[in-house]
């Protein structure tokens, strides 16, 4: 149990996960299928980091910067979870396969079958 916790909290793994989430959020911000109001969430998180107002002042050596980083990562994670799951899955797969950004195709088949019932 302790080794798994240590591996989870290891800096390279944590930094890699944060970088992957930031890349995914950047792609989702450009995606037209993600609601515009939802796109404000990571932008507000970034604005908080740049803002001089803080929950914990940056004068405190380590804690002041950690709250900024934590709030930014929390905003990105919330944005990712609230975005449409099919769009998130599409862009996560695109990042994993190394494809460049391309909006999700709007010509994809819909999730329903449009049919008409008639009696002969």
PDB file of N, CA and C in Angstrom:
ATOM      1  N   UNK A   1       0.816  -1.187   0.000  1.00  0.00           N
ATOM      2  CA  UNK A   1       0.000   0.000   0.000  1.00  0.00           C
ATOM      3  C   UNK A   1       0.862   1.254   0.000  1.00  0.00           C
ATOM      4  N   UNK A   2       1.908   1.265   0.825  1.00  0.00           N
ATOM      5  CA  UNK A   2       2.774   2.441   0.909  1.00  0.00           C
ATOM      6  C   UNK A   2       3.541   2.653  -0.388  1.00  0.00           C
ATOM      7  N   UNK A   3       3.957   1.564  -1.024  1.00  0.00           N
ATOM      8  CA  UNK A   3       4.705   1.718  -2.282  1.00  0.00           C
ATOM      9  C   UNK A   3       3.797   2.247  -3.389  1.00  0.00           C
ATOM     10  N   UNK A   4       2.531   1.836  -3.383  1.00  0.00           N
ATOM     11  CA  UNK A   4       1.604   2.335  -4.384  1.00  0.00           C
ATOM     12  C   UNK A   4       1.338   3.829  -4.174  1.00  0.00           C
ATOM     13  N   UNK A   5       1.185   4.256  -2.928  1.00  0.00           N
ATOM     14  CA  UNK A   5       0.990   5.659  -2.618  1.00  0.00           C
ATOM     15  C   UNK A   5       2.225   6.465  -2.994  1.00  0.00           C
ATOM     16  N   UNK A   6       3.397   5.913  -2.711  1.00  0.00           N
ATOM     17  CA  UNK A   6       4.641   6.595  -3.055  1.00  0.00           C
ATOM     18  C   UNK A   6       4.776   6.732  -4.569  1.00  0.00           C
ATOM     19  N   UNK A   7       4.426   5.695  -5.295  1.00  0.00           N
ATOM     20  CA  UNK A   7       4.506   5.734  -6.753  1.00  0.00           C
ATOM     21  C   UNK A   7       3.495   6.735  -7.315  1.00  0.00           C
ATOM     22  N   UNK A   8       2.305   6.804  -6.726  1.00  0.00           N
ATOM     23  CA  UNK A   8       1.276   7.733  -7.182  1.00  0.00           C
ATOM     24  C   UNK A   8       1.696   9.179  -6.977  1.00  0.00           C
ATOM     25  N   UNK A   9       2.341   9.446  -5.853  1.00  0.00           N
ATOM     26  CA  UNK A   9       2.745  10.810  -5.523  1.00  0.00           C
ATOM     27  C   UNK A   9       4.137  11.166  -6.036  1.00  0.00           C
ATOM     28  N   UNK A  10       4.750  10.278  -6.798  1.00  0.00           N
ATOM     29  CA  UNK A  10       6.081  10.583  -7.306  1.00  0.00           C
ATOM     30  C   UNK A  10       6.003  11.783  -8.236  1.00  0.00           C
ATOM     31  N   UNK A  11       6.993  12.625  -8.179  1.00  0.00           N
ATOM     32  CA  UNK A  11       6.960  13.874  -8.931  1.00  0.00           C
ATOM     33  C   UNK A  11       6.867  13.670 -10.445  1.00  0.00           C
ATOM     34  N   UNK A  12       7.684  12.807 -11.055  1.00  0.00           N
ATOM     35  CA  UNK A  12       7.561  12.668 -12.518  1.00  0.00           C
ATOM     36  C   UNK A  12       6.179  12.179 -12.953  1.00  0.00           C
ATOM     37  N   UNK A  13       5.603  11.256 -12.218  1.00  0.00           N
ATOM     38  CA  UNK A  13       4.273  10.759 -12.568  1.00  0.00           C
ATOM     39  C   UNK A  13       3.207  11.818 -12.391  1.00  0.00           C
ATOM     40  N   UNK A  14       3.302  12.568 -11.323  1.00  0.00           N
ATOM     41  CA  UNK A  14       2.342  13.634 -11.048  1.00  0.00           C
ATOM     42  C   UNK A  14       2.480  14.763 -12.066  1.00  0.00           C
ATOM     43  N   UNK A  15       3.709  15.104 -12.407  1.00  0.00           N
ATOM     44  CA  UNK A  15       3.946  16.150 -13.396  1.00  0.00           C
ATOM     45  C   UNK A  15       3.455  15.708 -14.773  1.00  0.00           C
ATOM     46  N   UNK A  16       3.653  14.435 -15.109  1.00  0.00           N
ATOM     47  CA  UNK A  16       3.191  13.921 -16.398  1.00  0.00           C
ATOM     48  C   UNK A  16       1.663  13.952 -16.482  1.00  0.00           C
ATOM     49  N   UNK A  17       0.997  13.571 -15.399  1.00  0.00           N
ATOM     50  CA  UNK A  17      -0.471  13.596 -15.382  1.00  0.00           C
ATOM     51  C   UNK A  17      -0.994  15.026 -15.492  1.00  0.00           C
ATOM     52  N   UNK A  18      -0.358  15.968 -14.821  1.00  0.00           N
ATOM     53  CA  UNK A  18      -0.777  17.368 -14.897  1.00  0.00           C
ATOM     54  C   UNK A  18      -0.570  17.897 -16.317  1.00  0.00           C
ATOM     55  N   UNK A  19       0.552  17.554 -16.941  1.00  0.00           N
ATOM     56  CA  UNK A  19       0.827  17.993 -18.307  1.00  0.00           C
ATOM     57  C   UNK A  19      -0.195  17.402 -19.280  1.00  0.00           C
ATOM     58  N   UNK A  20      -0.544  16.125 -19.103  1.00  0.00           N
ATOM     59  CA  UNK A  20      -1.536  15.488 -19.976  1.00  0.00           C
ATOM     60  C   UNK A  20      -2.902  16.152 -19.822  1.00  0.00           C
ATOM     61  N   UNK A  21      -3.279  16.487 -18.606  1.00  0.00           N
ATOM     62  CA  UNK A  21      -4.561  17.168 -18.382  1.00  0.00           C
ATOM     63  C   UNK A  21      -4.572  18.567 -18.991  1.00  0.00           C
ATOM     64  N   UNK A  22      -3.453  19.263 -18.928  1.00  0.00           N
ATOM     65  CA  UNK A  22      -3.376  20.603 -19.510  1.00  0.00           C
ATOM     66  C   UNK A  22      -3.471  20.524 -21.030  1.00  0.00           C
ATOM     67  N   UNK A  23      -2.820  19.538 -21.636  1.00  0.00           N
ATOM     68  CA  UNK A  23      -2.910  19.358 -23.093  1.00  0.00           C
ATOM     69  C   UNK A  23      -4.342  19.042 -23.513  1.00  0.00           C
ATOM     70  N   UNK A  24      -4.999  18.165 -22.756  1.00  0.00           N
ATOM     71  CA  UNK A  24      -6.380  17.813 -23.065  1.00  0.00           C
ATOM     72  C   UNK A  24      -7.303  19.027 -22.908  1.00  0.00           C
ATOM     73  N   UNK A  25      -7.092  19.809 -21.859  1.00  0.00           N
ATOM     74  CA  UNK A  25      -7.918  21.005 -21.642  1.00  0.00           C
ATOM     75  C   UNK A  25      -7.715  22.017 -22.763  1.00  0.00           C
ATOM     76  N   UNK A  26      -6.492  22.151 -23.249  1.00  0.00           N
ATOM     77  CA  UNK A  26      -6.231  23.085 -24.352  1.00  0.00           C
ATOM     78  C   UNK A  26      -6.974  22.655 -25.611  1.00  0.00           C
ATOM     79  N   UNK A  27      -7.026  21.355 -25.866  1.00  0.00           N
ATOM     80  CA  UNK A  27      -7.767  20.867 -27.032  1.00  0.00           C
ATOM     81  C   UNK A  27      -9.271  21.051 -26.839  1.00  0.00           C
ATOM     82  N   UNK A  28      -9.751  20.818 -25.620  1.00  0.00           N
ATOM     83  CA  UNK A  28     -11.182  20.972 -25.355  1.00  0.00           C
ATOM     84  C   UNK A  28     -11.614  22.440 -25.432  1.00  0.00           C
ATOM     85  N   UNK A  29     -10.717  23.359 -25.112  1.00  0.00           N
ATOM     86  CA  UNK A  29     -11.057  24.778 -25.228  1.00  0.00           C
ATOM     87  C   UNK A  29     -11.280  25.180 -26.683  1.00  0.00           C
ATOM     88  N   UNK A  30     -10.625  24.503 -27.601  1.00  0.00           N
ATOM     89  CA  UNK A  30     -10.770  24.812 -29.026  1.00  0.00           C
ATOM     90  C   UNK A  30     -11.929  24.062 -29.669  1.00  0.00           C
ATOM     91  N   UNK A  31     -12.454  23.062 -29.005  1.00  0.00           N
ATOM     92  CA  UNK A  31     -13.493  22.196 -29.571  1.00  0.00           C
ATOM     93  C   UNK A  31     -14.839  22.909 -29.599  1.00  0.00           C
ATOM     94  N   UNK A  32     -15.499  22.966 -30.767  1.00  0.00           N
ATOM     95  CA  UNK A  32     -16.799  23.641 -30.854  1.00  0.00           C
ATOM     96  C   UNK A  32     -17.929  22.922 -30.129  1.00  0.00           C
ATOM     97  N   UNK A  33     -17.795  21.638 -29.886  1.00  0.00           N
ATOM     98  CA  UNK A  33     -18.883  20.890 -29.223  1.00  0.00           C
ATOM     99  C   UNK A  33     -18.928  21.088 -27.708  1.00  0.00           C
ATOM    100  N   UNK A  34     -17.897  21.679 -27.138  1.00  0.00           N
ATOM    101  CA  UNK A  34     -17.891  21.953 -25.701  1.00  0.00           C
ATOM    102  C   UNK A  34     -18.613  23.281 -25.487  1.00  0.00           C
ATOM    103  N   UNK A  35     -19.587  23.334 -24.567  1.00  0.00           N
ATOM    104  CA  UNK A  35     -20.344  24.572 -24.342  1.00  0.00           C
ATOM    105  C   UNK A  35     -19.440  25.747 -23.964  1.00  0.00           C
ATOM    106  N   UNK A  36     -19.780  26.910 -24.471  1.00  0.00           N
ATOM    107  CA  UNK A  36     -18.969  28.112 -24.263  1.00  0.00           C
ATOM    108  C   UNK A  36     -18.899  28.483 -22.785  1.00  0.00           C
ATOM    109  N   UNK A  37     -19.989  28.355 -22.077  1.00  0.00           N
ATOM    110  CA  UNK A  37     -20.002  28.696 -20.658  1.00  0.00           C
ATOM    111  C   UNK A  37     -19.060  27.793 -19.867  1.00  0.00           C
ATOM    112  N   UNK A  38     -18.961  26.551 -20.272  1.00  0.00           N
ATOM    113  CA  UNK A  38     -18.077  25.602 -19.595  1.00  0.00           C
ATOM    114  C   UNK A  38     -16.611  25.954 -19.837  1.00  0.00           C
ATOM    115  N   UNK A  39     -16.313  26.550 -20.972  1.00  0.00           N
ATOM    116  CA  UNK A  39     -14.941  26.923 -21.292  1.00  0.00           C
ATOM    117  C   UNK A  39     -14.421  28.028 -20.377  1.00  0.00           C
ATOM    118  N   UNK A  40     -15.313  28.701 -19.690  1.00  0.00           N
ATOM    119  CA  UNK A  40     -14.900  29.757 -18.762  1.00  0.00           C
ATOM    120  C   UNK A  40     -14.225  29.181 -17.520  1.00  0.00           C
ATOM    121  N   UNK A  41     -14.478  27.932 -17.192  1.00  0.00           N
ATOM    122  CA  UNK A  41     -13.942  27.334 -15.971  1.00  0.00           C
ATOM    123  C   UNK A  41     -12.410  27.325 -15.922  1.00  0.00           C
ATOM    124  N   UNK A  42     -11.707  26.769 -16.909  1.00  0.00           N
ATOM    125  CA  UNK A  42     -10.239  26.830 -16.816  1.00  0.00           C
ATOM    126  C   UNK A  42      -9.692  28.249 -16.995  1.00  0.00           C
ATOM    127  N   UNK A  43     -10.405  29.081 -17.727  1.00  0.00           N
ATOM    128  CA  UNK A  43      -9.955  30.465 -17.902  1.00  0.00           C
ATOM    129  C   UNK A  43     -10.038  31.209 -16.572  1.00  0.00           C
ATOM    130  N   UNK A  44     -11.099  30.960 -15.807  1.00  0.00           N
ATOM    131  CA  UNK A  44     -11.217  31.578 -14.483  1.00  0.00           C
ATOM    132  C   UNK A  44     -10.150  31.045 -13.529  1.00  0.00           C
ATOM    133  N   UNK A  45      -9.824  29.765 -13.649  1.00  0.00           N
ATOM    134  CA  UNK A  45      -8.747  29.197 -12.828  1.00  0.00           C
ATOM    135  C   UNK A  45      -7.415  29.851 -13.135  1.00  0.00           C
ATOM    136  N   UNK A  46      -7.148  30.081 -14.407  1.00  0.00           N
ATOM    137  CA  UNK A  46      -5.911  30.745 -14.807  1.00  0.00           C
ATOM    138  C   UNK A  46      -5.909  32.202 -14.351  1.00  0.00           C
ATOM    139  N   UNK A  47      -7.064  32.854 -14.419  1.00  0.00           N
ATOM    140  CA  UNK A  47      -7.172  34.239 -13.964  1.00  0.00           C
ATOM    141  C   UNK A  47      -6.911  34.333 -12.462  1.00  0.00           C
ATOM    142  N   UNK A  48      -7.324  33.315 -11.705  1.00  0.00           N
ATOM    143  CA  UNK A  48      -7.060  33.299 -10.266  1.00  0.00           C
ATOM    144  C   UNK A  48      -5.563  33.233  -9.991  1.00  0.00           C
ATOM    145  N   UNK A  49      -4.854  32.432 -10.797  1.00  0.00           N
ATOM    146  CA  UNK A  49      -3.406  32.325 -10.609  1.00  0.00           C
ATOM    147  C   UNK A  49      -2.733  33.675 -10.859  1.00  0.00           C
ATOM    148  N   UNK A  50      -3.204  34.422 -11.850  1.00  0.00           N
ATOM    149  CA  UNK A  50      -2.606  35.716 -12.165  1.00  0.00           C
ATOM    150  C   UNK A  50      -3.085  36.832 -11.244  1.00  0.00           C
ATOM    151  N   UNK A  51      -4.199  36.615 -10.581  1.00  0.00           N
ATOM    152  CA  UNK A  51      -4.801  37.635  -9.730  1.00  0.00           C
ATOM    153  C   UNK A  51      -3.945  37.892  -8.489  1.00  0.00           C
ATOM    154  N   UNK A  52      -3.900  39.140  -8.033  1.00  0.00           N
ATOM    155  CA  UNK A  52      -3.166  39.419  -6.793  1.00  0.00           C
ATOM    156  C   UNK A  52      -3.933  38.974  -5.543  1.00  0.00           C
ATOM    157  N   UNK A  53      -5.225  38.684  -5.678  1.00  0.00           N
ATOM    158  CA  UNK A  53      -6.016  38.202  -4.548  1.00  0.00           C
ATOM    159  C   UNK A  53      -5.836  36.697  -4.410  1.00  0.00           C
ATOM    160  N   UNK A  54      -5.537  36.230  -3.219  1.00  0.00           N
ATOM    161  CA  UNK A  54      -5.298  34.802  -2.971  1.00  0.00           C
ATOM    162  C   UNK A  54      -5.988  34.366  -1.698  1.00  0.00           C
ATOM    163  N   UNK A  55      -6.316  33.073  -1.643  1.00  0.00           N
ATOM    164  CA  UNK A  55      -6.795  32.498  -0.386  1.00  0.00           C
ATOM    165  C   UNK A  55      -5.650  32.452   0.610  1.00  0.00           C
ATOM    166  N   UNK A  56      -4.503  31.991   0.150  1.00  0.00           N
ATOM    167  CA  UNK A  56      -3.279  31.991   0.953  1.00  0.00           C
ATOM    168  C   UNK A  56      -2.276  32.891   0.239  1.00  0.00           C
ATOM    169  N   UNK A  57      -1.758  33.904   0.899  1.00  0.00           N
ATOM    170  CA  UNK A  57      -0.852  34.834   0.212  1.00  0.00           C
ATOM    171  C   UNK A  57       0.412  34.134  -0.283  1.00  0.00           C
ATOM    172  N   UNK A  58       0.929  34.632  -1.407  1.00  0.00           N
ATOM    173  CA  UNK A  58       2.130  34.050  -1.992  1.00  0.00           C
ATOM    174  C   UNK A  58       3.385  34.379  -1.196  1.00  0.00           C
ATOM    175  N   UNK A  59       3.250  35.198  -0.165  1.00  0.00           N
ATOM    176  CA  UNK A  59       4.386  35.530   0.684  1.00  0.00           C
ATOM    177  C   UNK A  59       4.828  34.288   1.463  1.00  0.00           C
ATOM    178  N   UNK A  60       3.884  33.412   1.799  1.00  0.00           N
ATOM    179  CA  UNK A  60       4.238  32.168   2.473  1.00  0.00           C
ATOM    180  C   UNK A  60       5.046  31.314   1.490  1.00  0.00           C
ATOM    181  N   UNK A  61       6.205  30.814   1.890  1.00  0.00           N
ATOM    182  CA  UNK A  61       7.147  30.216   0.950  1.00  0.00           C
ATOM    183  C   UNK A  61       6.603  29.143   0.016  1.00  0.00           C
ATOM    184  N   UNK A  62       6.035  28.089   0.480  1.00  0.00           N
ATOM    185  CA  UNK A  62       5.605  26.994  -0.391  1.00  0.00           C
ATOM    186  C   UNK A  62       4.090  26.926  -0.492  1.00  0.00           C
ATOM    187  N   UNK A  63       3.427  27.146   0.602  1.00  0.00           N
ATOM    188  CA  UNK A  63       1.976  26.996   0.666  1.00  0.00           C
ATOM    189  C   UNK A  63       1.279  28.006  -0.241  1.00  0.00           C
ATOM    190  N   UNK A  64       1.829  29.188  -0.376  1.00  0.00           N
ATOM    191  CA  UNK A  64       1.225  30.217  -1.205  1.00  0.00           C
ATOM    192  C   UNK A  64       1.158  29.837  -2.672  1.00  0.00           C
ATOM    193  N   UNK A  65       2.175  29.130  -3.157  1.00  0.00           N
ATOM    194  CA  UNK A  65       2.181  28.707  -4.553  1.00  0.00           C
ATOM    195  C   UNK A  65       1.382  27.422  -4.764  1.00  0.00           C
ATOM    196  N   UNK A  66       1.358  26.576  -3.763  1.00  0.00           N
ATOM    197  CA  UNK A  66       0.640  25.303  -3.893  1.00  0.00           C
ATOM    198  C   UNK A  66      -0.863  25.536  -4.017  1.00  0.00           C
ATOM    199  N   UNK A  67      -1.414  26.519  -3.312  1.00  0.00           N
ATOM    200  CA  UNK A  67      -2.858  26.746  -3.432  1.00  0.00           C
ATOM    201  C   UNK A  67      -3.208  27.245  -4.831  1.00  0.00           C
ATOM    202  N   UNK A  68      -2.335  28.057  -5.438  1.00  0.00           N
ATOM    203  CA  UNK A  68      -2.576  28.499  -6.819  1.00  0.00           C
ATOM    204  C   UNK A  68      -2.552  27.312  -7.782  1.00  0.00           C
ATOM    205  N   UNK A  69      -1.542  26.496  -7.652  1.00  0.00           N
ATOM    206  CA  UNK A  69      -1.412  25.321  -8.515  1.00  0.00           C
ATOM    207  C   UNK A  69      -2.571  24.354  -8.302  1.00  0.00           C
ATOM    208  N   UNK A  70      -2.932  24.127  -7.049  1.00  0.00           N
ATOM    209  CA  UNK A  70      -4.036  23.213  -6.748  1.00  0.00           C
ATOM    210  C   UNK A  70      -5.360  23.689  -7.308  1.00  0.00           C
ATOM    211  N   UNK A  71      -5.639  24.972  -7.195  1.00  0.00           N
ATOM    212  CA  UNK A  71      -6.895  25.502  -7.721  1.00  0.00           C
ATOM    213  C   UNK A  71      -6.927  25.434  -9.247  1.00  0.00           C
ATOM    214  N   UNK A  72      -5.789  25.689  -9.881  1.00  0.00           N
ATOM    215  CA  UNK A  72      -5.717  25.608 -11.339  1.00  0.00           C
ATOM    216  C   UNK A  72      -5.954  24.166 -11.804  1.00  0.00           C
ATOM    217  N   UNK A  73      -5.304  23.206 -11.156  1.00  0.00           N
ATOM    218  CA  UNK A  73      -5.505  21.800 -11.523  1.00  0.00           C
ATOM    219  C   UNK A  73      -6.924  21.340 -11.225  1.00  0.00           C
ATOM    220  N   UNK A  74      -7.519  21.850 -10.161  1.00  0.00           N
ATOM    221  CA  UNK A  74      -8.903  21.527  -9.837  1.00  0.00           C
ATOM    222  C   UNK A  74      -9.853  22.069 -10.905  1.00  0.00           C
ATOM    223  N   UNK A  75      -9.605  23.278 -11.384  1.00  0.00           N
ATOM    224  CA  UNK A  75     -10.442  23.870 -12.435  1.00  0.00           C
ATOM    225  C   UNK A  75     -10.325  23.068 -13.730  1.00  0.00           C
ATOM    226  N   UNK A  76      -9.115  22.618 -14.060  1.00  0.00           N
ATOM    227  CA  UNK A  76      -8.918  21.829 -15.282  1.00  0.00           C
ATOM    228  C   UNK A  76      -9.596  20.472 -15.151  1.00  0.00           C
ATOM    229  N   UNK A  77      -9.482  19.846 -13.998  1.00  0.00           N
ATOM    230  CA  UNK A  77     -10.116  18.534 -13.791  1.00  0.00           C
ATOM    231  C   UNK A  77     -11.640  18.654 -13.852  1.00  0.00           C
ATOM    232  N   UNK A  78     -12.199  19.692 -13.250  1.00  0.00           N
ATOM    233  CA  UNK A  78     -13.655  19.907 -13.309  1.00  0.00           C
ATOM    234  C   UNK A  78     -14.104  20.159 -14.739  1.00  0.00           C
ATOM    235  N   UNK A  79     -13.328  20.928 -15.485  1.00  0.00           N
ATOM    236  CA  UNK A  79     -13.636  21.202 -16.894  1.00  0.00           C
ATOM    237  C   UNK A  79     -13.637  19.904 -17.700  1.00  0.00           C
ATOM    238  N   UNK A  80     -12.664  19.066 -17.450  1.00  0.00           N
ATOM    239  CA  UNK A  80     -12.567  17.790 -18.164  1.00  0.00           C
ATOM    240  C   UNK A  80     -13.749  16.879 -17.828  1.00  0.00           C
ATOM    241  N   UNK A  81     -14.131  16.830 -16.572  1.00  0.00           N
ATOM    242  CA  UNK A  81     -15.227  15.948 -16.163  1.00  0.00           C
ATOM    243  C   UNK A  81     -16.599  16.456 -16.592  1.00  0.00           C
ATOM    244  N   UNK A  82     -16.759  17.774 -16.706  1.00  0.00           N
ATOM    245  CA  UNK A  82     -18.049  18.332 -17.097  1.00  0.00           C
ATOM    246  C   UNK A  82     -18.223  18.417 -18.610  1.00  0.00           C
ATOM    247  N   UNK A  83     -17.140  18.263 -19.357  1.00  0.00           N
ATOM    248  CA  UNK A  83     -17.222  18.286 -20.822  1.00  0.00           C
ATOM    249  C   UNK A  83     -17.894  17.009 -21.307  1.00  0.00           C
ATOM    250  N   UNK A  84     -18.492  17.042 -22.503  1.00  0.00           N
ATOM    251  CA  UNK A  84     -19.134  15.833 -23.035  1.00  0.00           C
ATOM    252  C   UNK A  84     -18.139  14.671 -23.117  1.00  0.00           C
ATOM    253  N   UNK A  85     -18.552  13.511 -22.635  1.00  0.00           N
ATOM    254  CA  UNK A  85     -17.630  12.384 -22.533  1.00  0.00           C
ATOM    255  C   UNK A  85     -17.125  11.893 -23.884  1.00  0.00           C
ATOM    256  N   UNK A  86     -17.960  11.949 -24.920  1.00  0.00           N
ATOM    257  CA  UNK A  86     -17.495  11.488 -26.228  1.00  0.00           C
ATOM    258  C   UNK A  86     -16.421  12.406 -26.792  1.00  0.00           C
ATOM    259  N   UNK A  87     -16.529  13.692 -26.516  1.00  0.00           N
ATOM    260  CA  UNK A  87     -15.530  14.648 -26.987  1.00  0.00           C
ATOM    261  C   UNK A  87     -14.217  14.446 -26.234  1.00  0.00           C
ATOM    262  N   UNK A  88     -14.308  14.241 -24.920  1.00  0.00           N
ATOM    263  CA  UNK A  88     -13.103  14.005 -24.121  1.00  0.00           C
ATOM    264  C   UNK A  88     -12.414  12.723 -24.579  1.00  0.00           C
ATOM    265  N   UNK A  89     -13.184  11.669 -24.812  1.00  0.00           N
ATOM    266  CA  UNK A  89     -12.602  10.404 -25.258  1.00  0.00           C
ATOM    267  C   UNK A  89     -11.945  10.556 -26.628  1.00  0.00           C
ATOM    268  N   UNK A  90     -12.573  11.299 -27.526  1.00  0.00           N
ATOM    269  CA  UNK A  90     -12.018  11.514 -28.867  1.00  0.00           C
ATOM    270  C   UNK A  90     -10.664  12.216 -28.782  1.00  0.00           C
ATOM    271  N   UNK A  91     -10.597  13.287 -27.993  1.00  0.00           N
ATOM    272  CA  UNK A  91      -9.354  14.050 -27.911  1.00  0.00           C
ATOM    273  C   UNK A  91      -8.284  13.320 -27.093  1.00  0.00           C
ATOM    274  N   UNK A  92      -8.683  12.566 -26.092  1.00  0.00           N
ATOM    275  CA  UNK A  92      -7.700  11.775 -25.344  1.00  0.00           C
ATOM    276  C   UNK A  92      -7.071  10.718 -26.252  1.00  0.00           C
ATOM    277  N   UNK A  93      -7.881  10.091 -27.094  1.00  0.00           N
ATOM    278  CA  UNK A  93      -7.354   9.106 -28.037  1.00  0.00           C
ATOM    279  C   UNK A  93      -6.469   9.773 -29.083  1.00  0.00           C
ATOM    280  N   UNK A  94      -6.829  10.971 -29.500  1.00  0.00           N
ATOM    281  CA  UNK A  94      -6.014  11.701 -30.484  1.00  0.00           C
ATOM    282  C   UNK A  94      -4.658  12.066 -29.895  1.00  0.00           C
ATOM    283  N   UNK A  95      -4.624  12.462 -28.635  1.00  0.00           N
ATOM    284  CA  UNK A  95      -3.358  12.784 -27.976  1.00  0.00           C
ATOM    285  C   UNK A  95      -2.515  11.519 -27.838  1.00  0.00           C
ATOM    286  N   UNK A  96      -3.153  10.418 -27.456  1.00  0.00           N
ATOM    287  CA  UNK A  96      -2.421   9.162 -27.274  1.00  0.00           C
ATOM    288  C   UNK A  96      -1.816   8.658 -28.585  1.00  0.00           C
ATOM    289  N   UNK A  97      -2.506   8.886 -29.692  1.00  0.00           N
ATOM    290  CA  UNK A  97      -1.987   8.414 -30.980  1.00  0.00           C
ATOM    291  C   UNK A  97      -1.101   9.453 -31.654  1.00  0.00           C
ATOM    292  N   UNK A  98      -0.965  10.634 -31.074  1.00  0.00           N
ATOM    293  CA  UNK A  98      -0.066  11.649 -31.601  1.00  0.00           C
ATOM    294  C   UNK A  98      -0.624  12.466 -32.751  1.00  0.00           C
ATOM    295  N   UNK A  99      -1.941  12.464 -32.905  1.00  0.00           N
ATOM    296  CA  UNK A  99      -2.547  13.253 -33.979  1.00  0.00           C
ATOM    297  C   UNK A  99      -2.587  14.722 -33.605  1.00  0.00           C
ATOM    298  N   UNK A 100      -2.521  15.568 -34.615  1.00  0.00           N
ATOM    299  CA  UNK A 100      -2.654  17.001 -34.403  1.00  0.00           C
ATOM    300  C   UNK A 100      -4.109  17.334 -34.101  1.00  0.00           C
ATOM    301  N   UNK A 101      -4.320  18.571 -33.616  1.00  0.00           N
ATOM    302  CA  UNK A 101      -5.678  18.972 -33.275  1.00  0.00           C
ATOM    303  C   UNK A 101      -6.540  19.036 -34.529  1.00  0.00           C
ATOM    304  N   UNK A 102      -7.706  18.471 -34.393  1.00  0.00           N
ATOM    305  CA  UNK A 102      -8.729  18.542 -35.424  1.00  0.00           C
ATOM    306  C   UNK A 102     -10.063  18.455 -34.696  1.00  0.00           C
ATOM    307  N   UNK A 103     -11.000  19.380 -34.970  1.00  0.00           N
ATOM    308  CA  UNK A 103     -12.287  19.307 -34.268  1.00  0.00           C
ATOM    309  C   UNK A 103     -12.981  17.976 -34.538  1.00  0.00           C
ATOM    310  N   UNK A 104     -13.748  17.567 -33.582  1.00  0.00           N
ATOM    311  CA  UNK A 104     -14.501  16.333 -33.733  1.00  0.00           C
ATOM    312  C   UNK A 104     -15.458  16.487 -34.909  1.00  0.00           C
ATOM    313  N   UNK A 105     -15.493  15.511 -35.762  1.00  0.00           N
ATOM    314  CA  UNK A 105     -16.285  15.587 -36.987  1.00  0.00           C
ATOM    315  C   UNK A 105     -17.765  15.722 -36.675  1.00  0.00           C
ATOM    316  N   UNK A 106     -18.392  16.676 -37.333  1.00  0.00           N
ATOM    317  CA  UNK A 106     -19.829  16.854 -37.139  1.00  0.00           C
ATOM    318  C   UNK A 106     -20.620  15.958 -38.082  1.00  0.00           C
ATOM    319  N   UNK A 107     -19.918  15.262 -38.991  1.00  0.00           N
ATOM    320  CA  UNK A 107     -20.594  14.360 -39.913  1.00  0.00           C
ATOM    321  C   UNK A 107     -20.689  12.948 -39.351  1.00  0.00           C
ATOM    322  N   UNK A 108     -20.304  12.776 -38.118  1.00  0.00           N
ATOM    323  CA  UNK A 108     -20.403  11.458 -37.495  1.00  0.00           C
ATOM    324  C   UNK A 108     -21.868  11.063 -37.374  1.00  0.00           C
ATOM    325  N   UNK A 109     -22.150   9.775 -37.443  1.00  0.00           N
ATOM    326  CA  UNK A 109     -23.543   9.361 -37.336  1.00  0.00           C
ATOM    327  C   UNK A 109     -24.120   9.732 -35.971  1.00  0.00           C
ATOM    328  N   UNK A 110     -25.375  10.133 -35.935  1.00  0.00           N
ATOM    329  CA  UNK A 110     -25.984  10.518 -34.655  1.00  0.00           C
ATOM    330  C   UNK A 110     -26.177   9.295 -33.754  1.00  0.00           C
ATOM    331  N   UNK A 111     -26.493   9.567 -32.511  1.00  0.00           N
ATOM    332  CA  UNK A 111     -26.693   8.501 -31.537  1.00  0.00           C
ATOM    333  C   UNK A 111     -28.091   7.899 -31.617  1.00  0.00           C
ATOM    334  N   UNK A 112     -28.853   8.250 -32.617  1.00  0.00           N
ATOM    335  CA  UNK A 112     -30.202   7.714 -32.763  1.00  0.00           C
ATOM    336  C   UNK A 112     -30.436   7.382 -34.234  1.00  0.00           C
ATOM    337  N   UNK A 113     -31.463   6.631 -34.473  1.00  0.00           N
ATOM    338  CA  UNK A 113     -31.844   6.266 -35.835  1.00  0.00           C
ATOM    339  C   UNK A 113     -33.121   7.026 -36.160  1.00  0.00           C
ATOM    340  N   UNK A 114     -33.071   7.815 -37.207  1.00  0.00           N
ATOM    341  CA  UNK A 114     -34.222   8.582 -37.633  1.00  0.00           C
ATOM    342  C   UNK A 114     -35.031   7.688 -38.564  1.00  0.00           C
ATOM    343  N   UNK A 115     -36.213   7.339 -38.139  1.00  0.00           N
ATOM    344  CA  UNK A 115     -37.034   6.406 -38.936  1.00  0.00           C
ATOM    345  C   UNK A 115     -38.474   6.869 -38.942  1.00  0.00           C
ATOM    346  N   UNK A 116     -39.215   6.302 -39.875  1.00  0.00           N
ATOM    347  CA  UNK A 116     -40.614   6.618 -40.013  1.00  0.00           C
ATOM    348  C   UNK A 116     -41.389   5.302 -40.031  1.00  0.00           C
ATOM    349  N   UNK A 117     -42.468   5.245 -39.291  1.00  0.00           N
ATOM    350  CA  UNK A 117     -43.270   4.036 -39.287  1.00  0.00           C
ATOM    351  C   UNK A 117     -44.463   4.252 -40.180  1.00  0.00           C
ATOM    352  N   UNK A 118     -44.694   3.333 -41.063  1.00  0.00           N
ATOM    353  CA  UNK A 118     -45.895   3.437 -41.889  1.00  0.00           C
ATOM    354  C   UNK A 118     -46.530   2.056 -42.014  1.00  0.00           C
ATOM    355  N   UNK A 119     -47.788   2.098 -42.177  1.00  0.00           N
ATOM    356  CA  UNK A 119     -48.565   0.869 -42.281  1.00  0.00           C
ATOM    357  C   UNK A 119     -48.911   0.634 -43.738  1.00  0.00           C
ATOM    358  N   UNK A 120     -48.624  -0.544 -44.248  1.00  0.00           N
ATOM    359  CA  UNK A 120     -48.945  -0.873 -45.643  1.00  0.00           C
ATOM    360  C   UNK A 120     -50.252  -1.585 -45.769  1.00  0.00           C
TER     361      UNK A 120
END
